[in-house]
Amino acid sequence: MVKHTVLVTGGAGYIGSHACVELLQSGYPVVVVDNLSNSKSESLARVEKITGKPLSFYQADIRDRKSLAEIFSKEPIRTVMHFAGLKAVGESCEQPLNYYHNNVYGTMVLAEVMAEAKVRQLVFSSSATVYGESASVQYSENSPLGPINPYGRSKAMIEDILRDLSAADKIIRAKLPWKIALLRYFNPIGAHESGLIGEDPNGIPNNLMPYVLQVAIGKLAQLPVFGNDYPTRDGTGIRDYIHVVDLVKGHLKAIEALESEKFASGGCRAYNLGAGRGYSVLEIIEAFKRVTGRKVNYKIVPRRAGDLAECFANPELALKELNWKVEKKLDDMIADSWNWQCKNPQGYA
C-alpha cells in the first residue's frame, strides 16, 4: 500500500533524522524542512544511505511563512511531524526570548500555513519538561503541568495552543478537523545501529550522553555532574532514558492512530513516550564503564537551574492507545551511542 507524504520539520536533527529513517523504511515519502541551526545536512545524506531511498529537503526556517507556504503548495503533504525547536534547558534559562520566538511563534506560523493548505494532521514533539514538581516522580498524562524552565514552558504553551486550535476547529470544520498527537518525550539517547546517524551537538553538549561520549573519547576532559544532594538514591538526578529508535517508532504509531477511527472526529491527545523507569547520572556513568570498558572522569558541581530531582514516565496510555512500548534496554542505548561516537569522533564534520 502506498503511504502518504509526511513533512518532517527539524528532520536533519538528532531525533528528526532517526524519524526519517523509520518513515522511509515504512514506505512513507518524506519531505524535510530544517534551517540547519543545530543540525547538519550530512545527516540526511546518511538517512538516504541507510534506507536506500530518497527524500526531499528544503533549507528553511519554520518562522518563514512564505517559504513554508511554497513547500506546502509543491508537496502532497498529509501529516506533519514537528521536531523543529530549540531544546536545551540551561540555554533556555539564559535566552528565554529566543526559545519563545523559535518554539512558540514558529509553531504558530507552521499551524497557520498547515490550515491554509488544509493539512490538519500533526505529530508534535513535546517534552516531559511540561510537568512540574509532583508528589509522585512517575508522571502520567493527567499529572499536573507546571514547567519550571523556559524550554518546558515553551512546550506547554504550544500544547495549549494546539488544544485550543483542535477544540475550535472541531466546531467549525467537522469534515476536516485537526488531529493532533502531543508526544511527551522523556530522555532520548542512543543512535542508529549502523553508526551512520546519531546526536551531534554544536559546541559543548547540553545533554548527558553526548557529554559522556566526548569525555570517554578524550574530546572533553571531565563530565560535570550537576548536584549530588538531590533526594534520590545516590543524590544525583534520575531520568527516564529511552532509545531514540524506540522513540521515533512511537511517532509512526501516532500517525497510524491519527489515521484510525480513534481520531475520526478529530482531537488533540497527549502521550508519554518513556520506559517507565529511571536511572541516575552516576548509574549511567557506571553502566557506560561496564558496557564500553571506558572510565568517565567526572566532577560534582552545583545544581543547574531548572532541573527536577527525579522524573520518569507512566507509559501505559501509549501502550493502550498507540500499541507502543520500548524494546531496547539501557545497554543497547549505550552500545549504540558508543558505536556512533567511535565511528564519528567529530560528529558529521
C-alpha atoms as a PDB file:
ATOM      1  CA  MET A   1       0.000   0.000   0.000  1.00  0.00           C
ATOM      2  CA  VAL A   2       1.348   3.424  -0.960  1.00  0.00           C
ATOM      3  CA  LYS A   3       1.542   5.648   2.108  1.00  0.00           C
ATOM      4  CA  HIS A   4       1.047   9.390   2.268  1.00  0.00           C
ATOM      5  CA  THR A   5       3.711  12.105   2.356  1.00  0.00           C
ATOM      6  CA  VAL A   6       4.977  13.268   5.750  1.00  0.00           C
ATOM      7  CA  LEU A   7       6.651  16.638   6.321  1.00  0.00           C
ATOM      8  CA  VAL A   8       9.348  16.386   8.998  1.00  0.00           C
ATOM      9  CA  THR A   9      10.330  19.768  10.446  1.00  0.00           C
ATOM     10  CA  GLY A  10      13.776  19.673  12.029  1.00  0.00           C
ATOM     11  CA  GLY A  11      14.359  16.464  10.078  1.00  0.00           C
ATOM     12  CA  ALA A  12      18.146  16.883   9.900  1.00  0.00           C
ATOM     13  CA  GLY A  13      18.432  16.924  13.702  1.00  0.00           C
ATOM     14  CA  TYR A  14      19.073  14.068  16.095  1.00  0.00           C
ATOM     15  CA  ILE A  15      15.535  12.760  16.583  1.00  0.00           C
ATOM     16  CA  GLY A  16      14.256  14.033  13.234  1.00  0.00           C
ATOM     17  CA  SER A  17      16.876  12.126  11.215  1.00  0.00           C
ATOM     18  CA  HIS A  18      16.027   8.883  13.008  1.00  0.00           C
ATOM     19  CA  ALA A  19      12.337   9.543  12.323  1.00  0.00           C
ATOM     20  CA  CYS A  20      13.136   9.970   8.622  1.00  0.00           C
ATOM     21  CA  VAL A  21      14.797   6.538   8.587  1.00  0.00           C
ATOM     22  CA  GLU A  22      11.771   4.831  10.152  1.00  0.00           C
ATOM     23  CA  LEU A  23       9.314   6.689   7.910  1.00  0.00           C
ATOM     24  CA  LEU A  24      11.198   5.838   4.705  1.00  0.00           C
ATOM     25  CA  GLN A  25      11.663   2.214   5.734  1.00  0.00           C
ATOM     26  CA  SER A  26       7.929   2.012   6.443  1.00  0.00           C
ATOM     27  CA  GLY A  27       7.055   3.329   2.980  1.00  0.00           C
ATOM     28  CA  TYR A  28       6.218   6.977   3.704  1.00  0.00           C
ATOM     29  CA  PRO A  29       7.537   9.589   1.243  1.00  0.00           C
ATOM     30  CA  VAL A  30       9.413  12.189   3.328  1.00  0.00           C
ATOM     31  CA  VAL A  31       9.852  15.951   2.950  1.00  0.00           C
ATOM     32  CA  VAL A  32      12.288  17.638   5.361  1.00  0.00           C
ATOM     33  CA  VAL A  33      12.352  21.291   6.411  1.00  0.00           C
ATOM     34  CA  ASP A  34      15.333  22.339   8.543  1.00  0.00           C
ATOM     35  CA  ASN A  35      17.204  25.629   8.978  1.00  0.00           C
ATOM     36  CA  LEU A  36      20.393  23.711   9.949  1.00  0.00           C
ATOM     37  CA  SER A  37      20.917  25.948  13.001  1.00  0.00           C
ATOM     38  CA  ASN A  38      21.615  22.925  15.192  1.00  0.00           C
ATOM     39  CA  SER A  39      21.965  20.157  12.608  1.00  0.00           C
ATOM     40  CA  LYS A  40      23.902  19.123   9.502  1.00  0.00           C
ATOM     41  CA  SER A  41      22.577  18.241   6.049  1.00  0.00           C
ATOM     42  CA  GLU A  42      25.056  15.335   6.046  1.00  0.00           C
ATOM     43  CA  SER A  43      22.646  13.508   8.361  1.00  0.00           C
ATOM     44  CA  LEU A  44      20.074  13.432   5.550  1.00  0.00           C
ATOM     45  CA  ALA A  45      22.594  12.032   3.056  1.00  0.00           C
ATOM     46  CA  ARG A  46      23.204   9.265   5.580  1.00  0.00           C
ATOM     47  CA  VAL A  47      19.480   8.685   6.049  1.00  0.00           C
ATOM     48  CA  GLU A  48      19.292   8.050   2.295  1.00  0.00           C
ATOM     49  CA  LYS A  49      22.301   5.719   2.534  1.00  0.00           C
ATOM     50  CA  ILE A  50      20.737   3.689   5.372  1.00  0.00           C
ATOM     51  CA  THR A  51      17.353   3.360   3.668  1.00  0.00           C
ATOM     52  CA  GLY A  52      18.362   3.330   0.007  1.00  0.00           C
ATOM     53  CA  LYS A  53      15.502   5.793  -0.565  1.00  0.00           C
ATOM     54  CA  PRO A  54      15.471   9.496  -1.481  1.00  0.00           C
ATOM     55  CA  LEU A  55      13.841  12.305   0.456  1.00  0.00           C
ATOM     56  CA  SER A  56      13.098  15.935  -0.400  1.00  0.00           C
ATOM     57  CA  PHE A  57      14.981  18.584   1.601  1.00  0.00           C
ATOM     58  CA  TYR A  58      14.267  22.304   1.922  1.00  0.00           C
ATOM     59  CA  GLN A  59      16.575  24.508   3.943  1.00  0.00           C
ATOM     60  CA  ALA A  60      14.101  26.897   5.539  1.00  0.00           C
ATOM     61  CA  ASP A  61      13.038  28.252   8.912  1.00  0.00           C
ATOM     62  CA  ILE A  62       9.548  27.383  10.172  1.00  0.00           C
ATOM     63  CA  ARG A  63       9.095  31.070  11.044  1.00  0.00           C
ATOM     64  CA  ASP A  64       9.432  31.926   7.327  1.00  0.00           C
ATOM     65  CA  ARG A  65       5.770  31.847   6.293  1.00  0.00           C
ATOM     66  CA  LYS A  66       6.427  32.398   2.568  1.00  0.00           C
ATOM     67  CA  SER A  67       8.937  29.546   2.297  1.00  0.00           C
ATOM     68  CA  LEU A  68       6.679  27.185   4.216  1.00  0.00           C
ATOM     69  CA  ALA A  69       3.654  28.047   2.070  1.00  0.00           C
ATOM     70  CA  GLU A  70       5.671  27.335  -1.098  1.00  0.00           C
ATOM     71  CA  ILE A  71       6.684  23.915   0.243  1.00  0.00           C
ATOM     72  CA  PHE A  72       3.067  23.017   1.048  1.00  0.00           C
ATOM     73  CA  SER A  73       1.996  24.129  -2.431  1.00  0.00           C
ATOM     74  CA  LYS A  74       4.651  21.910  -4.082  1.00  0.00           C
ATOM     75  CA  GLU A  75       4.430  18.756  -1.974  1.00  0.00           C
ATOM     76  CA  PRO A  76       1.400  16.455  -1.361  1.00  0.00           C
ATOM     77  CA  ILE A  77       1.777  16.593   2.424  1.00  0.00           C
ATOM     78  CA  ARG A  78      -0.885  14.950   4.602  1.00  0.00           C
ATOM     79  CA  THR A  79       0.813  14.739   8.002  1.00  0.00           C
ATOM     80  CA  VAL A  80       3.404  16.944   9.719  1.00  0.00           C
ATOM     81  CA  MET A  81       5.884  15.562  12.236  1.00  0.00           C
ATOM     82  CA  HIS A  82       7.113  18.649  14.067  1.00  0.00           C
ATOM     83  CA  PHE A  83      10.581  18.427  15.664  1.00  0.00           C
ATOM     84  CA  ALA A  84      11.924  21.905  14.801  1.00  0.00           C
ATOM     85  CA  GLY A  85      12.704  23.657  18.058  1.00  0.00           C
ATOM     86  CA  LEU A  86      15.428  24.717  20.454  1.00  0.00           C
ATOM     87  CA  LYS A  87      15.795  22.132  23.210  1.00  0.00           C
ATOM     88  CA  ALA A  88      18.385  22.890  25.913  1.00  0.00           C
ATOM     89  CA  VAL A  89      17.030  23.553  29.411  1.00  0.00           C
ATOM     90  CA  GLY A  90      20.070  25.509  30.616  1.00  0.00           C
ATOM     91  CA  GLU A  91      20.265  27.632  27.476  1.00  0.00           C
ATOM     92  CA  SER A  92      16.544  28.395  27.702  1.00  0.00           C
ATOM     93  CA  CYS A  93      17.111  29.929  31.155  1.00  0.00           C
ATOM     94  CA  GLU A  94      19.739  32.220  29.604  1.00  0.00           C
ATOM     95  CA  GLN A  95      17.876  33.004  26.353  1.00  0.00           C
ATOM     96  CA  PRO A  96      14.131  32.756  27.087  1.00  0.00           C
ATOM     97  CA  LEU A  97      13.009  35.124  24.328  1.00  0.00           C
ATOM     98  CA  ASN A  98      14.897  33.098  21.738  1.00  0.00           C
ATOM     99  CA  TYR A  99      13.106  29.941  22.907  1.00  0.00           C
ATOM    100  CA  TYR A 100       9.643  31.509  22.871  1.00  0.00           C
ATOM    101  CA  HIS A 101      10.208  33.055  19.453  1.00  0.00           C
ATOM    102  CA  ASN A 102      11.600  29.925  17.831  1.00  0.00           C
ATOM    103  CA  ASN A 103       9.429  27.298  19.518  1.00  0.00           C
ATOM    104  CA  VAL A 104       6.093  29.041  20.143  1.00  0.00           C
ATOM    105  CA  TYR A 105       5.941  31.565  17.302  1.00  0.00           C
ATOM    106  CA  GLY A 106       7.461  29.035  14.877  1.00  0.00           C
ATOM    107  CA  THR A 107       4.738  26.516  15.694  1.00  0.00           C
ATOM    108  CA  MET A 108       2.031  29.166  15.262  1.00  0.00           C
ATOM    109  CA  VAL A 109       3.327  30.011  11.773  1.00  0.00           C
ATOM    110  CA  LEU A 110       3.502  26.302  10.905  1.00  0.00           C
ATOM    111  CA  ALA A 111      -0.082  25.712  12.104  1.00  0.00           C
ATOM    112  CA  GLU A 112      -1.377  28.716  10.148  1.00  0.00           C
ATOM    113  CA  VAL A 113       0.298  27.510   6.946  1.00  0.00           C
ATOM    114  CA  MET A 114      -0.987  23.986   7.542  1.00  0.00           C
ATOM    115  CA  ALA A 115      -4.538  25.297   7.983  1.00  0.00           C
ATOM    116  CA  GLU A 116      -4.320  27.272   4.741  1.00  0.00           C
ATOM    117  CA  ALA A 117      -3.061  24.144   2.943  1.00  0.00           C
ATOM    118  CA  LYS A 118      -5.845  22.037   4.534  1.00  0.00           C
ATOM    119  CA  VAL A 119      -3.292  19.792   6.242  1.00  0.00           C
ATOM    120  CA  ARG A 120      -4.586  19.081   9.721  1.00  0.00           C
ATOM    121  CA  GLN A 121      -2.710  16.003  10.963  1.00  0.00           C
ATOM    122  CA  LEU A 122       0.143  16.848  13.328  1.00  0.00           C
ATOM    123  CA  VAL A 123       2.505  14.803  15.497  1.00  0.00           C
ATOM    124  CA  PHE A 124       4.141  17.265  17.890  1.00  0.00           C
ATOM    125  CA  SER A 125       7.466  16.760  19.634  1.00  0.00           C
ATOM    126  CA  SER A 126       6.643  17.783  23.195  1.00  0.00           C
ATOM    127  CA  SER A 127       8.568  17.017  26.365  1.00  0.00           C
ATOM    128  CA  ALA A 128       8.316  15.662  29.889  1.00  0.00           C
ATOM    129  CA  THR A 129       9.510  19.115  30.986  1.00  0.00           C
ATOM    130  CA  VAL A 130       5.868  20.256  30.709  1.00  0.00           C
ATOM    131  CA  TYR A 131       5.299  18.504  34.054  1.00  0.00           C
ATOM    132  CA  GLY A 132       6.099  20.274  37.294  1.00  0.00           C
ATOM    133  CA  GLU A 133       7.211  19.187  40.748  1.00  0.00           C
ATOM    134  CA  SER A 134       4.884  16.413  41.880  1.00  0.00           C
ATOM    135  CA  ALA A 135       4.208  14.215  44.897  1.00  0.00           C
ATOM    136  CA  SER A 136       4.801  11.315  42.522  1.00  0.00           C
ATOM    137  CA  VAL A 137       8.015  11.073  40.474  1.00  0.00           C
ATOM    138  CA  GLN A 138       6.245   8.877  37.905  1.00  0.00           C
ATOM    139  CA  TYR A 139       4.285  11.115  35.567  1.00  0.00           C
ATOM    140  CA  SER A 140       1.100  10.161  33.745  1.00  0.00           C
ATOM    141  CA  GLU A 141      -0.578  12.298  31.099  1.00  0.00           C
ATOM    142  CA  ASN A 142      -3.016  13.703  33.663  1.00  0.00           C
ATOM    143  CA  SER A 143      -0.252  14.709  36.101  1.00  0.00           C
ATOM    144  CA  PRO A 144      -0.343  18.451  36.823  1.00  0.00           C
ATOM    145  CA  LEU A 145       1.528  20.604  34.311  1.00  0.00           C
ATOM    146  CA  GLY A 146       3.894  23.188  35.756  1.00  0.00           C
ATOM    147  CA  PRO A 147       7.137  23.516  33.817  1.00  0.00           C
ATOM    148  CA  ILE A 148       9.989  25.091  35.773  1.00  0.00           C
ATOM    149  CA  ASN A 149      12.129  26.410  32.896  1.00  0.00           C
ATOM    150  CA  PRO A 150      11.504  28.387  29.682  1.00  0.00           C
ATOM    151  CA  TYR A 151      12.109  25.353  27.453  1.00  0.00           C
ATOM    152  CA  GLY A 152       9.378  23.389  29.244  1.00  0.00           C
ATOM    153  CA  ARG A 153       7.102  26.432  29.299  1.00  0.00           C
ATOM    154  CA  SER A 154       7.517  26.871  25.535  1.00  0.00           C
ATOM    155  CA  LYS A 155       6.396  23.254  25.025  1.00  0.00           C
ATOM    156  CA  ALA A 156       3.456  23.669  27.428  1.00  0.00           C
ATOM    157  CA  MET A 157       2.375  26.871  25.640  1.00  0.00           C
ATOM    158  CA  ILE A 158       2.436  25.043  22.304  1.00  0.00           C
ATOM    159  CA  GLU A 159       0.365  22.212  23.756  1.00  0.00           C
ATOM    160  CA  ASP A 160      -2.215  24.774  24.958  1.00  0.00           C
ATOM    161  CA  ILE A 161      -2.290  26.441  21.542  1.00  0.00           C
ATOM    162  CA  LEU A 162      -2.770  23.118  19.751  1.00  0.00           C
ATOM    163  CA  ARG A 163      -5.522  22.017  22.156  1.00  0.00           C
ATOM    164  CA  ASP A 164      -7.336  25.320  21.626  1.00  0.00           C
ATOM    165  CA  LEU A 165      -6.888  25.021  17.865  1.00  0.00           C
ATOM    166  CA  SER A 166      -8.275  21.497  17.836  1.00  0.00           C
ATOM    167  CA  ALA A 167     -11.256  22.424  20.031  1.00  0.00           C
ATOM    168  CA  ALA A 168     -12.168  25.500  17.958  1.00  0.00           C
ATOM    169  CA  ASP A 169     -11.741  23.751  14.640  1.00  0.00           C
ATOM    170  CA  LYS A 170     -13.832  20.788  15.724  1.00  0.00           C
ATOM    171  CA  ILE A 171     -16.809  23.126  15.989  1.00  0.00           C
ATOM    172  CA  ILE A 172     -16.445  24.899  12.652  1.00  0.00           C
ATOM    173  CA  ARG A 173     -14.843  22.228  10.468  1.00  0.00           C
ATOM    174  CA  ALA A 174     -16.410  18.888  11.310  1.00  0.00           C
ATOM    175  CA  LYS A 175     -15.486  17.489   7.871  1.00  0.00           C
ATOM    176  CA  LEU A 176     -11.750  18.199   8.222  1.00  0.00           C
ATOM    177  CA  PRO A 177     -10.928  18.507  11.923  1.00  0.00           C
ATOM    178  CA  TRP A 178      -7.468  18.837  13.425  1.00  0.00           C
ATOM    179  CA  LYS A 179      -5.967  15.523  14.521  1.00  0.00           C
ATOM    180  CA  ILE A 180      -3.039  16.120  16.872  1.00  0.00           C
ATOM    181  CA  ALA A 181      -0.820  13.834  18.932  1.00  0.00           C
ATOM    182  CA  LEU A 182       1.302  15.534  21.602  1.00  0.00           C
ATOM    183  CA  LEU A 183       4.211  13.203  22.335  1.00  0.00           C
ATOM    184  CA  ARG A 184       5.905  13.965  25.642  1.00  0.00           C
ATOM    185  CA  TYR A 185       9.442  12.631  25.459  1.00  0.00           C
ATOM    186  CA  PHE A 186      11.479  11.670  28.424  1.00  0.00           C
ATOM    187  CA  ASN A 187      15.277  11.398  27.739  1.00  0.00           C
ATOM    188  CA  PRO A 188      16.224  10.103  24.284  1.00  0.00           C
ATOM    189  CA  ILE A 189      19.719   8.624  23.939  1.00  0.00           C
ATOM    190  CA  GLY A 190      21.331   6.072  21.627  1.00  0.00           C
ATOM    191  CA  ALA A 191      21.862   6.116  17.876  1.00  0.00           C
ATOM    192  CA  HIS A 192      21.028   4.104  14.774  1.00  0.00           C
ATOM    193  CA  GLU A 193      22.670   0.680  14.939  1.00  0.00           C
ATOM    194  CA  SER A 194      24.595   1.415  11.707  1.00  0.00           C
ATOM    195  CA  GLY A 195      26.531   4.174  13.468  1.00  0.00           C
ATOM    196  CA  LEU A 196      25.794   6.448  10.493  1.00  0.00           C
ATOM    197  CA  ILE A 197      23.477   8.861  12.338  1.00  0.00           C
ATOM    198  CA  GLY A 198      23.440   9.995  15.958  1.00  0.00           C
ATOM    199  CA  GLU A 199      23.468  13.018  18.236  1.00  0.00           C
ATOM    200  CA  ASP A 200      25.920  15.705  17.075  1.00  0.00           C
ATOM    201  CA  PRO A 201      25.510  18.789  19.285  1.00  0.00           C
ATOM    202  CA  ASN A 202      27.070  22.135  18.418  1.00  0.00           C
ATOM    203  CA  GLY A 203      29.802  23.115  20.880  1.00  0.00           C
ATOM    204  CA  ILE A 204      29.687  21.814  24.453  1.00  0.00           C
ATOM    205  CA  PRO A 205      26.863  19.255  24.777  1.00  0.00           C
ATOM    206  CA  ASN A 206      23.801  20.143  26.871  1.00  0.00           C
ATOM    207  CA  ASN A 207      22.642  16.537  27.327  1.00  0.00           C
ATOM    208  CA  LEU A 208      24.222  13.827  29.455  1.00  0.00           C
ATOM    209  CA  MET A 209      25.019  11.066  26.956  1.00  0.00           C
ATOM    210  CA  PRO A 210      26.843  13.168  24.321  1.00  0.00           C
ATOM    211  CA  TYR A 211      28.876  14.736  27.133  1.00  0.00           C
ATOM    212  CA  VAL A 212      29.754  11.266  28.493  1.00  0.00           C
ATOM    213  CA  LEU A 213      30.773  10.165  24.992  1.00  0.00           C
ATOM    214  CA  GLN A 214      33.012  13.175  24.394  1.00  0.00           C
ATOM    215  CA  VAL A 215      34.753  12.693  27.744  1.00  0.00           C
ATOM    216  CA  ALA A 216      35.205   8.965  27.090  1.00  0.00           C
ATOM    217  CA  ILE A 217      36.766   9.601  23.688  1.00  0.00           C
ATOM    218  CA  GLY A 218      39.042  12.340  25.048  1.00  0.00           C
ATOM    219  CA  LYS A 219      37.408  15.298  23.323  1.00  0.00           C
ATOM    220  CA  LEU A 220      36.395  16.814  26.687  1.00  0.00           C
ATOM    221  CA  ALA A 221      38.338  16.444  29.935  1.00  0.00           C
ATOM    222  CA  GLN A 222      35.631  15.953  32.523  1.00  0.00           C
ATOM    223  CA  LEU A 223      31.877  15.495  32.915  1.00  0.00           C
ATOM    224  CA  PRO A 224      30.163  17.973  35.250  1.00  0.00           C
ATOM    225  CA  VAL A 225      27.554  16.203  37.400  1.00  0.00           C
ATOM    226  CA  PHE A 226      25.050  18.884  38.382  1.00  0.00           C
ATOM    227  CA  GLY A 227      24.331  18.235  42.049  1.00  0.00           C
ATOM    228  CA  ASN A 228      24.716  15.208  44.313  1.00  0.00           C
ATOM    229  CA  ASP A 229      22.364  16.444  47.041  1.00  0.00           C
ATOM    230  CA  TYR A 230      19.012  15.605  45.436  1.00  0.00           C
ATOM    231  CA  PRO A 231      16.607  13.392  47.441  1.00  0.00           C
ATOM    232  CA  THR A 232      17.425  10.373  45.221  1.00  0.00           C
ATOM    233  CA  ARG A 233      19.125   7.038  45.880  1.00  0.00           C
ATOM    234  CA  ASP A 234      22.632   8.385  45.194  1.00  0.00           C
ATOM    235  CA  GLY A 235      21.983  12.139  45.329  1.00  0.00           C
ATOM    236  CA  THR A 236      22.179  12.669  41.545  1.00  0.00           C
ATOM    237  CA  GLY A 237      19.264  13.377  39.221  1.00  0.00           C
ATOM    238  CA  ILE A 238      17.203  10.446  37.966  1.00  0.00           C
ATOM    239  CA  ARG A 239      15.758  10.400  34.457  1.00  0.00           C
ATOM    240  CA  ASP A 240      13.836   8.031  32.211  1.00  0.00           C
ATOM    241  CA  TYR A 241      16.139   7.169  29.288  1.00  0.00           C
ATOM    242  CA  ILE A 242      14.680   5.878  26.035  1.00  0.00           C
ATOM    243  CA  HIS A 243      16.428   4.689  22.868  1.00  0.00           C
ATOM    244  CA  VAL A 244      15.922   7.194  20.056  1.00  0.00           C
ATOM    245  CA  VAL A 245      14.807   4.414  17.681  1.00  0.00           C
ATOM    246  CA  ASP A 246      12.110   3.309  20.137  1.00  0.00           C
ATOM    247  CA  LEU A 247      11.096   6.956  20.453  1.00  0.00           C
ATOM    248  CA  VAL A 248      10.636   7.561  16.729  1.00  0.00           C
ATOM    249  CA  LYS A 249       8.749   4.294  16.328  1.00  0.00           C
ATOM    250  CA  GLY A 250       6.255   5.886  18.711  1.00  0.00           C
ATOM    251  CA  HIS A 251       5.788   8.672  16.155  1.00  0.00           C
ATOM    252  CA  LEU A 252       4.859   6.186  13.446  1.00  0.00           C
ATOM    253  CA  LYS A 253       2.374   4.590  15.842  1.00  0.00           C
ATOM    254  CA  ALA A 254       0.952   8.082  16.399  1.00  0.00           C
ATOM    255  CA  ILE A 255       0.438   8.575  12.652  1.00  0.00           C
ATOM    256  CA  GLU A 256      -1.401   5.251  12.496  1.00  0.00           C
ATOM    257  CA  ALA A 257      -3.617   6.395  15.368  1.00  0.00           C
ATOM    258  CA  LEU A 258      -4.398   9.738  13.692  1.00  0.00           C
ATOM    259  CA  GLU A 259      -5.443   7.791  10.577  1.00  0.00           C
ATOM    260  CA  SER A 260      -7.649   5.419  12.577  1.00  0.00           C
ATOM    261  CA  GLU A 261     -11.240   5.530  13.822  1.00  0.00           C
ATOM    262  CA  LYS A 262      -9.903   6.691  17.203  1.00  0.00           C
ATOM    263  CA  PHE A 263      -9.358  10.168  15.720  1.00  0.00           C
ATOM    264  CA  ALA A 264     -12.190  10.042  13.186  1.00  0.00           C
ATOM    265  CA  SER A 265     -13.831  13.145  14.660  1.00  0.00           C
ATOM    266  CA  GLY A 266     -10.516  14.887  15.366  1.00  0.00           C
ATOM    267  CA  GLY A 267      -8.969  15.791  18.684  1.00  0.00           C
ATOM    268  CA  CYS A 268      -5.737  16.531  20.481  1.00  0.00           C
ATOM    269  CA  ARG A 269      -4.269  13.921  22.827  1.00  0.00           C
ATOM    270  CA  ALA A 270      -1.051  13.702  24.835  1.00  0.00           C
ATOM    271  CA  TYR A 271       1.044  10.564  25.222  1.00  0.00           C
ATOM    272  CA  ASN A 272       4.133   9.885  27.317  1.00  0.00           C
ATOM    273  CA  LEU A 273       6.984   8.235  25.435  1.00  0.00           C
ATOM    274  CA  GLY A 274       9.240   6.776  28.097  1.00  0.00           C
ATOM    275  CA  ALA A 275      10.378   3.464  29.519  1.00  0.00           C
ATOM    276  CA  GLY A 276       8.669   3.815  32.878  1.00  0.00           C
ATOM    277  CA  ARG A 277      11.828   3.555  34.987  1.00  0.00           C
ATOM    278  CA  GLY A 278      14.694   5.880  35.795  1.00  0.00           C
ATOM    279  CA  TYR A 279      18.491   5.821  36.088  1.00  0.00           C
ATOM    280  CA  SER A 280      20.639   8.310  37.994  1.00  0.00           C
ATOM    281  CA  VAL A 281      23.567  10.170  36.460  1.00  0.00           C
ATOM    282  CA  LEU A 282      26.031   8.045  38.429  1.00  0.00           C
ATOM    283  CA  GLU A 283      24.241   4.853  37.336  1.00  0.00           C
ATOM    284  CA  ILE A 284      24.586   5.929  33.694  1.00  0.00           C
ATOM    285  CA  ILE A 285      28.315   6.567  34.212  1.00  0.00           C
ATOM    286  CA  GLU A 286      28.755   3.141  35.821  1.00  0.00           C
ATOM    287  CA  ALA A 287      26.742   1.375  33.100  1.00  0.00           C
ATOM    288  CA  PHE A 288      28.808   3.143  30.437  1.00  0.00           C
ATOM    289  CA  LYS A 289      32.010   1.806  32.007  1.00  0.00           C
ATOM    290  CA  ARG A 290      30.566  -1.716  32.172  1.00  0.00           C
ATOM    291  CA  VAL A 291      29.355  -1.746  28.543  1.00  0.00           C
ATOM    292  CA  THR A 292      32.326   0.008  26.876  1.00  0.00           C
ATOM    293  CA  GLY A 293      35.209  -0.588  29.282  1.00  0.00           C
ATOM    294  CA  ARG A 294      35.826   3.177  29.315  1.00  0.00           C
ATOM    295  CA  LYS A 295      36.038   5.158  32.536  1.00  0.00           C
ATOM    296  CA  VAL A 296      34.421   8.598  32.518  1.00  0.00           C
ATOM    297  CA  ASN A 297      36.106  11.324  34.567  1.00  0.00           C
ATOM    298  CA  TYR A 298      33.507  13.412  36.354  1.00  0.00           C
ATOM    299  CA  LYS A 299      33.249  16.159  38.933  1.00  0.00           C
ATOM    300  CA  ILE A 300      30.336  17.098  41.168  1.00  0.00           C
ATOM    301  CA  VAL A 301      29.306  20.727  40.570  1.00  0.00           C
ATOM    302  CA  PRO A 302      26.370  22.819  41.865  1.00  0.00           C
ATOM    303  CA  ARG A 303      22.849  22.061  40.733  1.00  0.00           C
ATOM    304  CA  ARG A 304      21.724  23.504  37.409  1.00  0.00           C
ATOM    305  CA  ALA A 305      18.770  25.899  37.202  1.00  0.00           C
ATOM    306  CA  GLY A 306      15.535  24.296  36.035  1.00  0.00           C
ATOM    307  CA  ASP A 307      16.302  20.644  36.856  1.00  0.00           C
ATOM    308  CA  LEU A 308      13.943  18.282  38.709  1.00  0.00           C
ATOM    309  CA  ALA A 309      15.359  15.682  41.131  1.00  0.00           C
ATOM    310  CA  GLU A 310      13.574  12.718  39.576  1.00  0.00           C
ATOM    311  CA  CYS A 311      11.292  12.192  36.634  1.00  0.00           C
ATOM    312  CA  PHE A 312      10.109   9.102  34.802  1.00  0.00           C
ATOM    313  CA  ALA A 313       7.120   8.109  32.707  1.00  0.00           C
ATOM    314  CA  ASN A 314       3.976   6.146  33.183  1.00  0.00           C
ATOM    315  CA  PRO A 315       3.796   4.839  29.583  1.00  0.00           C
ATOM    316  CA  GLU A 316       0.557   2.852  29.944  1.00  0.00           C
ATOM    317  CA  LEU A 317      -1.590   5.149  27.768  1.00  0.00           C
ATOM    318  CA  ALA A 318       0.810   4.869  24.805  1.00  0.00           C
ATOM    319  CA  LEU A 319       0.667   1.081  25.135  1.00  0.00           C
ATOM    320  CA  LYS A 320      -3.129   1.087  25.343  1.00  0.00           C
ATOM    321  CA  GLU A 321      -3.946   3.631  22.605  1.00  0.00           C
ATOM    322  CA  LEU A 322      -0.894   3.553  20.312  1.00  0.00           C
ATOM    323  CA  ASN A 323       0.190  -0.067  20.867  1.00  0.00           C
ATOM    324  CA  TRP A 324       3.686   1.257  21.622  1.00  0.00           C
ATOM    325  CA  LYS A 325       6.293   0.329  24.208  1.00  0.00           C
ATOM    326  CA  VAL A 326      10.078   0.437  24.470  1.00  0.00           C
ATOM    327  CA  GLU A 327      12.006  -2.556  23.200  1.00  0.00           C
ATOM    328  CA  LYS A 328      15.637  -1.575  23.741  1.00  0.00           C
ATOM    329  CA  LYS A 329      17.478  -1.776  27.062  1.00  0.00           C
ATOM    330  CA  LEU A 330      19.999   0.625  28.655  1.00  0.00           C
ATOM    331  CA  ASP A 331      22.926  -1.496  27.413  1.00  0.00           C
ATOM    332  CA  ASP A 332      21.609  -1.144  23.822  1.00  0.00           C
ATOM    333  CA  MET A 333      21.376   2.640  24.238  1.00  0.00           C
ATOM    334  CA  ILE A 334      24.942   2.877  25.499  1.00  0.00           C
ATOM    335  CA  ALA A 335      26.404   0.450  22.949  1.00  0.00           C
ATOM    336  CA  ASP A 336      24.721   2.235  20.019  1.00  0.00           C
ATOM    337  CA  SER A 337      25.781   5.653  21.349  1.00  0.00           C
ATOM    338  CA  TRP A 338      29.405   4.475  21.680  1.00  0.00           C
ATOM    339  CA  ASN A 339      29.351   2.920  18.201  1.00  0.00           C
ATOM    340  CA  TRP A 340      28.210   6.277  16.754  1.00  0.00           C
ATOM    341  CA  GLN A 341      30.853   8.229  18.678  1.00  0.00           C
ATOM    342  CA  CYS A 342      33.712   5.875  17.726  1.00  0.00           C
ATOM    343  CA  LYS A 343      32.766   5.963  14.040  1.00  0.00           C
ATOM    344  CA  ASN A 344      32.209   9.740  14.081  1.00  0.00           C
ATOM    345  CA  PRO A 345      34.632  11.279  16.628  1.00  0.00           C
ATOM    346  CA  GLN A 346      33.977  14.746  15.173  1.00  0.00           C
ATOM    347  CA  GLY A 347      30.275  14.129  14.557  1.00  0.00           C
ATOM    348  CA  TYR A 348      29.210  14.863  10.983  1.00  0.00           C
ATOM    349  CA  ALA A 349      32.159  17.192  10.359  1.00  0.00           C
END
